[in-house]
Amino acid sequence: MKIIEVMKKPKYIAIAVIVSTIFSAIYVYTQVLGIIENIDVWFAAIPRINLALFWAFSTLLGITVSFQIWNWRENKICNVKSVGGQSSAGILSLFIAQCPACASLSALFLPASIGLFITQYSVFFDLLGIGLLLFTLNYLGGFKY
């Protein structure tokens, strides 16, 4: 698969790790509302399934951004049959909530009833975000041989 070939290159694996780390740091920082001393409390309070889905999302986000950068830098000849625009699914997946603690942040922008809905079905939203990233990788040609 093309994605494995790209991720074997040290430059692109480094980009994936950096993007994943930056996203994770910003996300956790916003979840504790800037109180760094509460990060351990956040990790203790987050359900294990949400933590695993957060890790998967963060990793896939880094891989997706790295693969997109590789696509931009590669010289390609366009196939007339497959000419099309880039997918916005990767960007849309950034708006998917990763844990129930996001209710505190989303309550600033959403009515409380919507915030409760998001936290009640957060696992499904997490899976939707991961699915959108996998769709983006497939659309970019990452799973082709």
N, C-alpha and C. Protein backbone atom coordinates (compact mmCIF):
# COMPACT_ATOMS: atom_id res chain seq x y z
N MET A 1 0.84 -1.17 0.00
CA MET A 1 0.00 0.00 0.00
C MET A 1 0.88 1.24 0.00
N LYS A 2 0.38 2.25 -0.64
CA LYS A 2 1.14 3.48 -0.78
C LYS A 2 1.40 4.16 0.55
N ILE A 3 0.44 4.09 1.46
CA ILE A 3 0.60 4.75 2.76
C ILE A 3 1.76 4.15 3.54
N ILE A 4 1.95 2.84 3.43
CA ILE A 4 3.06 2.18 4.13
C ILE A 4 4.39 2.61 3.53
N GLU A 5 4.44 2.72 2.21
CA GLU A 5 5.68 3.18 1.56
C GLU A 5 6.04 4.59 2.01
N VAL A 6 5.04 5.45 2.11
CA VAL A 6 5.29 6.84 2.53
C VAL A 6 5.73 6.90 3.98
N MET A 7 5.08 6.12 4.84
CA MET A 7 5.39 6.16 6.27
C MET A 7 6.74 5.50 6.60
N LYS A 8 7.34 4.80 5.64
CA LYS A 8 8.68 4.24 5.85
C LYS A 8 9.75 5.32 5.74
N LYS A 9 9.41 6.44 5.14
CA LYS A 9 10.36 7.54 4.99
C LYS A 9 10.42 8.33 6.29
N PRO A 10 11.62 8.55 6.85
CA PRO A 10 11.74 9.21 8.15
C PRO A 10 11.10 10.61 8.20
N LYS A 11 11.19 11.35 7.11
CA LYS A 11 10.64 12.70 7.10
C LYS A 11 9.12 12.69 7.31
N TYR A 12 8.44 11.76 6.67
CA TYR A 12 6.98 11.73 6.75
C TYR A 12 6.48 11.10 8.05
N ILE A 13 7.23 10.16 8.59
CA ILE A 13 6.85 9.62 9.90
C ILE A 13 7.06 10.69 10.97
N ALA A 14 8.09 11.52 10.81
CA ALA A 14 8.33 12.62 11.75
C ALA A 14 7.20 13.64 11.68
N ILE A 15 6.75 13.94 10.46
CA ILE A 15 5.63 14.87 10.30
C ILE A 15 4.39 14.31 10.99
N ALA A 16 4.12 13.02 10.81
CA ALA A 16 2.96 12.39 11.42
C ALA A 16 3.03 12.46 12.95
N VAL A 17 4.20 12.19 13.50
CA VAL A 17 4.37 12.22 14.96
C VAL A 17 4.20 13.65 15.48
N ILE A 18 4.77 14.62 14.79
CA ILE A 18 4.67 16.02 15.22
C ILE A 18 3.23 16.50 15.18
N VAL A 19 2.52 16.22 14.10
CA VAL A 19 1.13 16.65 13.98
C VAL A 19 0.27 15.98 15.05
N SER A 20 0.48 14.69 15.25
CA SER A 20 -0.28 13.97 16.26
C SER A 20 0.00 14.52 17.66
N THR A 21 1.24 14.81 17.95
CA THR A 21 1.61 15.35 19.26
C THR A 21 1.02 16.74 19.48
N ILE A 22 1.12 17.60 18.47
CA ILE A 22 0.58 18.95 18.59
C ILE A 22 -0.93 18.91 18.77
N PHE A 23 -1.61 18.09 17.97
CA PHE A 23 -3.06 17.97 18.11
C PHE A 23 -3.42 17.47 19.51
N SER A 24 -2.73 16.44 19.98
CA SER A 24 -3.03 15.88 21.30
C SER A 24 -2.81 16.92 22.40
N ALA A 25 -1.70 17.65 22.30
CA ALA A 25 -1.41 18.66 23.32
C ALA A 25 -2.46 19.76 23.34
N ILE A 26 -2.85 20.25 22.18
CA ILE A 26 -3.86 21.30 22.12
C ILE A 26 -5.21 20.78 22.61
N TYR A 27 -5.55 19.58 22.21
CA TYR A 27 -6.84 19.02 22.61
C TYR A 27 -6.92 18.83 24.13
N VAL A 28 -5.89 18.21 24.71
CA VAL A 28 -5.89 17.99 26.15
C VAL A 28 -5.87 19.32 26.89
N TYR A 29 -5.11 20.29 26.39
CA TYR A 29 -5.04 21.62 27.02
C TYR A 29 -6.41 22.29 27.04
N THR A 30 -7.16 22.17 25.94
CA THR A 30 -8.50 22.78 25.91
C THR A 30 -9.47 22.01 26.80
N GLN A 31 -9.26 20.72 26.96
CA GLN A 31 -10.16 19.93 27.80
C GLN A 31 -10.03 20.29 29.27
N VAL A 32 -8.84 20.68 29.70
CA VAL A 32 -8.65 21.07 31.10
C VAL A 32 -8.77 22.58 31.27
N LEU A 33 -9.23 23.26 30.20
CA LEU A 33 -9.45 24.70 30.20
C LEU A 33 -8.21 25.48 30.61
N GLY A 34 -7.05 25.00 30.20
CA GLY A 34 -5.80 25.71 30.44
C GLY A 34 -5.19 25.49 31.81
N ILE A 35 -5.79 24.66 32.63
CA ILE A 35 -5.25 24.38 33.95
C ILE A 35 -4.39 23.13 33.84
N ILE A 36 -3.11 23.32 33.64
CA ILE A 36 -2.20 22.21 33.36
C ILE A 36 -2.16 21.20 34.51
N GLU A 37 -2.38 21.65 35.71
CA GLU A 37 -2.35 20.75 36.87
C GLU A 37 -3.47 19.72 36.82
N ASN A 38 -4.51 19.93 36.00
CA ASN A 38 -5.64 19.02 35.93
C ASN A 38 -5.52 17.98 34.82
N ILE A 39 -4.39 17.93 34.15
CA ILE A 39 -4.23 16.96 33.07
C ILE A 39 -4.32 15.54 33.61
N ASP A 40 -3.71 15.28 34.75
CA ASP A 40 -3.78 13.93 35.32
C ASP A 40 -5.21 13.56 35.71
N VAL A 41 -6.00 14.54 36.16
CA VAL A 41 -7.40 14.30 36.49
C VAL A 41 -8.18 13.97 35.22
N TRP A 42 -7.88 14.68 34.14
CA TRP A 42 -8.56 14.42 32.86
C TRP A 42 -8.28 13.01 32.39
N PHE A 43 -7.01 12.57 32.45
CA PHE A 43 -6.67 11.22 32.04
C PHE A 43 -7.31 10.18 32.95
N ALA A 44 -7.51 10.50 34.22
CA ALA A 44 -8.16 9.57 35.15
C ALA A 44 -9.67 9.51 34.91
N ALA A 45 -10.26 10.61 34.45
CA ALA A 45 -11.71 10.68 34.29
C ALA A 45 -12.21 10.20 32.93
N ILE A 46 -11.38 10.28 31.91
CA ILE A 46 -11.84 9.91 30.57
C ILE A 46 -12.06 8.40 30.49
N PRO A 47 -13.19 7.97 29.95
CA PRO A 47 -13.42 6.53 29.80
C PRO A 47 -12.35 5.91 28.89
N ARG A 48 -11.97 4.70 29.20
CA ARG A 48 -10.88 4.03 28.46
C ARG A 48 -11.19 3.89 26.98
N ILE A 49 -12.44 3.64 26.63
CA ILE A 49 -12.80 3.52 25.22
C ILE A 49 -12.58 4.85 24.51
N ASN A 50 -12.93 5.95 25.16
CA ASN A 50 -12.72 7.27 24.56
C ASN A 50 -11.24 7.60 24.45
N LEU A 51 -10.45 7.17 25.43
CA LEU A 51 -9.01 7.39 25.37
C LEU A 51 -8.39 6.62 24.20
N ALA A 52 -8.84 5.38 24.00
CA ALA A 52 -8.34 4.58 22.88
C ALA A 52 -8.75 5.20 21.55
N LEU A 53 -10.00 5.67 21.47
CA LEU A 53 -10.46 6.31 20.24
C LEU A 53 -9.75 7.63 20.00
N PHE A 54 -9.44 8.36 21.08
CA PHE A 54 -8.68 9.60 20.95
C PHE A 54 -7.28 9.31 20.40
N TRP A 55 -6.65 8.28 20.93
CA TRP A 55 -5.31 7.90 20.45
C TRP A 55 -5.36 7.50 18.98
N ALA A 56 -6.38 6.72 18.60
CA ALA A 56 -6.52 6.30 17.21
C ALA A 56 -6.76 7.50 16.30
N PHE A 57 -7.63 8.41 16.73
CA PHE A 57 -7.91 9.60 15.93
C PHE A 57 -6.66 10.46 15.76
N SER A 58 -5.95 10.67 16.85
CA SER A 58 -4.74 11.50 16.81
C SER A 58 -3.69 10.89 15.89
N THR A 59 -3.51 9.59 15.97
CA THR A 59 -2.55 8.90 15.12
C THR A 59 -2.95 8.99 13.65
N LEU A 60 -4.23 8.73 13.37
CA LEU A 60 -4.70 8.81 11.99
C LEU A 60 -4.63 10.23 11.44
N LEU A 61 -4.88 11.22 12.28
CA LEU A 61 -4.76 12.60 11.84
C LEU A 61 -3.33 12.91 11.41
N GLY A 62 -2.37 12.49 12.22
CA GLY A 62 -0.96 12.72 11.86
C GLY A 62 -0.60 12.02 10.56
N ILE A 63 -1.05 10.79 10.39
CA ILE A 63 -0.76 10.04 9.16
C ILE A 63 -1.43 10.70 7.97
N THR A 64 -2.66 11.16 8.14
CA THR A 64 -3.38 11.80 7.04
C THR A 64 -2.71 13.09 6.60
N VAL A 65 -2.32 13.92 7.55
CA VAL A 65 -1.64 15.18 7.21
C VAL A 65 -0.31 14.89 6.52
N SER A 66 0.44 13.93 7.04
CA SER A 66 1.72 13.56 6.45
C SER A 66 1.54 13.04 5.03
N PHE A 67 0.53 12.21 4.82
CA PHE A 67 0.28 11.67 3.48
C PHE A 67 -0.17 12.76 2.53
N GLN A 68 -0.96 13.72 3.03
CA GLN A 68 -1.37 14.84 2.18
C GLN A 68 -0.17 15.68 1.77
N ILE A 69 0.75 15.92 2.68
CA ILE A 69 1.96 16.66 2.35
C ILE A 69 2.78 15.90 1.31
N TRP A 70 2.86 14.59 1.46
CA TRP A 70 3.57 13.78 0.46
C TRP A 70 2.89 13.92 -0.90
N ASN A 71 1.56 13.91 -0.92
CA ASN A 71 0.83 14.07 -2.19
C ASN A 71 1.12 15.42 -2.83
N TRP A 72 1.22 16.46 -2.04
CA TRP A 72 1.51 17.78 -2.59
C TRP A 72 2.91 17.85 -3.19
N ARG A 73 3.85 17.17 -2.58
CA ARG A 73 5.25 17.27 -2.99
C ARG A 73 5.62 16.32 -4.12
N GLU A 74 4.83 15.28 -4.32
CA GLU A 74 5.13 14.30 -5.36
C GLU A 74 4.78 14.86 -6.73
N ASN A 75 5.65 14.59 -7.70
CA ASN A 75 5.35 14.94 -9.08
C ASN A 75 4.51 13.80 -9.66
N LYS A 76 3.33 14.15 -10.15
CA LYS A 76 2.43 13.14 -10.66
C LYS A 76 1.93 13.55 -12.05
N ILE A 77 1.52 12.55 -12.79
CA ILE A 77 0.81 12.78 -14.04
C ILE A 77 -0.64 12.43 -13.77
N CYS A 78 -1.53 13.37 -14.03
CA CYS A 78 -2.94 13.16 -13.71
C CYS A 78 -3.57 12.19 -14.69
N ASN A 79 -4.36 11.30 -14.16
CA ASN A 79 -5.16 10.40 -14.96
C ASN A 79 -6.45 11.14 -15.30
N VAL A 80 -6.78 11.20 -16.56
CA VAL A 80 -7.94 11.97 -17.01
C VAL A 80 -9.22 11.45 -16.37
N LYS A 81 -9.32 10.14 -16.11
CA LYS A 81 -10.53 9.56 -15.57
C LYS A 81 -10.72 9.88 -14.10
N SER A 82 -9.66 10.17 -13.37
CA SER A 82 -9.80 10.35 -11.93
C SER A 82 -9.48 11.77 -11.49
N VAL A 83 -9.73 12.75 -12.34
CA VAL A 83 -9.49 14.13 -11.97
C VAL A 83 -10.59 14.59 -11.01
N GLY A 84 -10.20 15.16 -9.89
CA GLY A 84 -11.18 15.63 -8.92
C GLY A 84 -10.51 16.44 -7.84
N GLY A 85 -11.30 17.09 -7.01
CA GLY A 85 -10.77 17.90 -5.92
C GLY A 85 -10.42 17.07 -4.70
N GLN A 86 -9.76 17.69 -3.75
CA GLN A 86 -9.39 17.01 -2.51
C GLN A 86 -10.61 16.89 -1.60
N SER A 87 -10.57 15.91 -0.73
CA SER A 87 -11.69 15.67 0.18
C SER A 87 -11.63 16.61 1.37
N SER A 88 -12.76 17.08 1.78
CA SER A 88 -12.83 17.91 2.98
C SER A 88 -13.16 17.07 4.21
N ALA A 89 -13.22 15.76 4.06
CA ALA A 89 -13.58 14.89 5.18
C ALA A 89 -12.55 14.98 6.30
N GLY A 90 -11.29 15.13 5.96
CA GLY A 90 -10.26 15.26 7.00
C GLY A 90 -10.46 16.49 7.85
N ILE A 91 -10.84 17.58 7.23
CA ILE A 91 -11.08 18.82 7.97
C ILE A 91 -12.36 18.69 8.79
N LEU A 92 -13.39 18.08 8.22
CA LEU A 92 -14.64 17.89 8.96
C LEU A 92 -14.43 17.01 10.18
N SER A 93 -13.52 16.05 10.09
CA SER A 93 -13.32 15.14 11.22
C SER A 93 -12.68 15.84 12.41
N LEU A 94 -12.06 16.99 12.21
CA LEU A 94 -11.48 17.73 13.33
C LEU A 94 -12.54 18.26 14.28
N PHE A 95 -13.78 18.37 13.80
CA PHE A 95 -14.84 18.91 14.63
C PHE A 95 -15.58 17.83 15.42
N ILE A 96 -15.14 16.60 15.30
CA ILE A 96 -15.77 15.50 16.03
C ILE A 96 -15.20 15.48 17.44
N ALA A 97 -16.08 15.38 18.42
CA ALA A 97 -15.66 15.39 19.82
C ALA A 97 -14.97 14.08 20.18
N GLN A 98 -13.95 14.15 21.02
CA GLN A 98 -13.20 12.96 21.37
C GLN A 98 -13.53 12.42 22.74
N CYS A 99 -14.14 13.19 23.63
CA CYS A 99 -14.46 12.65 24.95
C CYS A 99 -15.60 13.45 25.57
N PRO A 100 -16.23 12.89 26.60
CA PRO A 100 -17.34 13.59 27.24
C PRO A 100 -16.94 14.91 27.90
N ALA A 101 -15.65 15.08 28.19
CA ALA A 101 -15.22 16.32 28.82
C ALA A 101 -15.37 17.52 27.90
N CYS A 102 -15.60 17.27 26.60
CA CYS A 102 -15.74 18.39 25.67
C CYS A 102 -17.02 19.17 25.91
N ALA A 103 -17.91 18.66 26.76
CA ALA A 103 -19.15 19.39 27.03
C ALA A 103 -18.85 20.76 27.63
N SER A 104 -17.79 20.85 28.42
CA SER A 104 -17.45 22.14 29.02
C SER A 104 -17.04 23.14 27.95
N LEU A 105 -16.30 22.68 26.95
CA LEU A 105 -15.87 23.57 25.88
C LEU A 105 -17.01 23.83 24.89
N SER A 106 -17.75 22.79 24.54
CA SER A 106 -18.82 22.97 23.57
C SER A 106 -20.00 23.75 24.13
N ALA A 107 -20.14 23.76 25.45
CA ALA A 107 -21.23 24.52 26.06
C ALA A 107 -21.06 26.02 25.82
N LEU A 108 -19.84 26.45 25.55
CA LEU A 108 -19.62 27.86 25.23
C LEU A 108 -20.24 28.22 23.89
N PHE A 109 -20.31 27.25 22.98
CA PHE A 109 -20.76 27.52 21.63
C PHE A 109 -22.13 26.92 21.31
N LEU A 110 -22.55 25.94 22.09
CA LEU A 110 -23.79 25.24 21.80
C LEU A 110 -24.75 25.34 22.98
N PRO A 111 -26.04 25.22 22.73
CA PRO A 111 -26.97 25.11 23.86
C PRO A 111 -26.66 23.86 24.67
N ALA A 112 -27.00 23.86 25.94
CA ALA A 112 -26.67 22.74 26.83
C ALA A 112 -27.26 21.43 26.35
N SER A 113 -28.44 21.45 25.77
CA SER A 113 -29.06 20.20 25.32
C SER A 113 -28.25 19.54 24.22
N ILE A 114 -27.65 20.32 23.35
CA ILE A 114 -26.81 19.75 22.30
C ILE A 114 -25.52 19.21 22.91
N GLY A 115 -24.99 19.92 23.89
CA GLY A 115 -23.77 19.44 24.57
C GLY A 115 -24.01 18.10 25.24
N LEU A 116 -25.18 17.93 25.84
CA LEU A 116 -25.51 16.64 26.47
C LEU A 116 -25.67 15.55 25.43
N PHE A 117 -26.24 15.88 24.28
CA PHE A 117 -26.38 14.91 23.20
C PHE A 117 -25.01 14.45 22.72
N ILE A 118 -24.08 15.39 22.56
CA ILE A 118 -22.74 15.05 22.08
C ILE A 118 -22.04 14.12 23.07
N THR A 119 -22.14 14.39 24.35
CA THR A 119 -21.45 13.54 25.33
C THR A 119 -22.10 12.17 25.45
N GLN A 120 -23.41 12.09 25.27
CA GLN A 120 -24.09 10.81 25.38
C GLN A 120 -23.68 9.88 24.24
N TYR A 121 -23.46 10.41 23.07
CA TYR A 121 -23.12 9.61 21.90
C TYR A 121 -21.69 9.85 21.43
N SER A 122 -20.80 10.18 22.34
CA SER A 122 -19.44 10.56 21.96
C SER A 122 -18.68 9.43 21.28
N VAL A 123 -18.93 8.18 21.67
CA VAL A 123 -18.23 7.06 21.03
C VAL A 123 -18.60 7.00 19.55
N PHE A 124 -19.86 7.22 19.23
CA PHE A 124 -20.28 7.19 17.83
C PHE A 124 -19.68 8.36 17.04
N PHE A 125 -19.58 9.52 17.69
CA PHE A 125 -18.93 10.66 17.03
C PHE A 125 -17.44 10.39 16.82
N ASP A 126 -16.82 9.74 17.79
CA ASP A 126 -15.40 9.37 17.66
C ASP A 126 -15.21 8.43 16.47
N LEU A 127 -16.07 7.43 16.40
CA LEU A 127 -15.98 6.48 15.29
C LEU A 127 -16.26 7.16 13.95
N LEU A 128 -17.14 8.14 13.94
CA LEU A 128 -17.41 8.89 12.72
C LEU A 128 -16.16 9.67 12.29
N GLY A 129 -15.49 10.31 13.25
CA GLY A 129 -14.26 11.04 12.95
C GLY A 129 -13.17 10.13 12.41
N ILE A 130 -13.01 8.97 13.02
CA ILE A 130 -12.02 8.01 12.55
C ILE A 130 -12.39 7.51 11.16
N GLY A 131 -13.68 7.27 10.95
CA GLY A 131 -14.13 6.86 9.62
C GLY A 131 -13.87 7.91 8.56
N LEU A 132 -14.07 9.18 8.92
CA LEU A 132 -13.79 10.26 7.96
C LEU A 132 -12.31 10.34 7.61
N LEU A 133 -11.45 10.11 8.59
CA LEU A 133 -10.01 10.12 8.30
C LEU A 133 -9.63 8.93 7.42
N LEU A 134 -10.20 7.76 7.67
CA LEU A 134 -9.93 6.60 6.82
C LEU A 134 -10.45 6.84 5.40
N PHE A 135 -11.62 7.48 5.29
CA PHE A 135 -12.16 7.83 3.98
C PHE A 135 -11.21 8.79 3.26
N THR A 136 -10.68 9.76 3.98
CA THR A 136 -9.76 10.72 3.38
C THR A 136 -8.50 10.02 2.88
N LEU A 137 -7.94 9.13 3.69
CA LEU A 137 -6.75 8.39 3.26
C LEU A 137 -7.05 7.55 2.02
N ASN A 138 -8.22 6.93 1.99
CA ASN A 138 -8.59 6.14 0.82
C ASN A 138 -8.76 7.04 -0.40
N TYR A 139 -9.39 8.19 -0.21
CA TYR A 139 -9.62 9.13 -1.31
C TYR A 139 -8.30 9.67 -1.86
N LEU A 140 -7.32 9.85 -0.98
CA LEU A 140 -6.01 10.35 -1.42
C LEU A 140 -5.17 9.25 -2.06
N GLY A 141 -5.65 8.02 -2.03
CA GLY A 141 -4.93 6.93 -2.66
C GLY A 141 -3.98 6.20 -1.74
N GLY A 142 -4.14 6.32 -0.45
CA GLY A 142 -3.23 5.70 0.49
C GLY A 142 -3.34 4.19 0.56
N PHE A 143 -4.49 3.63 0.18
CA PHE A 143 -4.68 2.19 0.27
C PHE A 143 -4.51 1.49 -1.06
N LYS A 144 -4.03 2.21 -2.07
CA LYS A 144 -3.76 1.60 -3.38
C LYS A 144 -2.37 1.02 -3.41
N TYR A 145 -2.19 0.03 -4.22
CA TYR A 145 -0.87 -0.60 -4.36
C TYR A 145 -0.08 0.00 -5.47
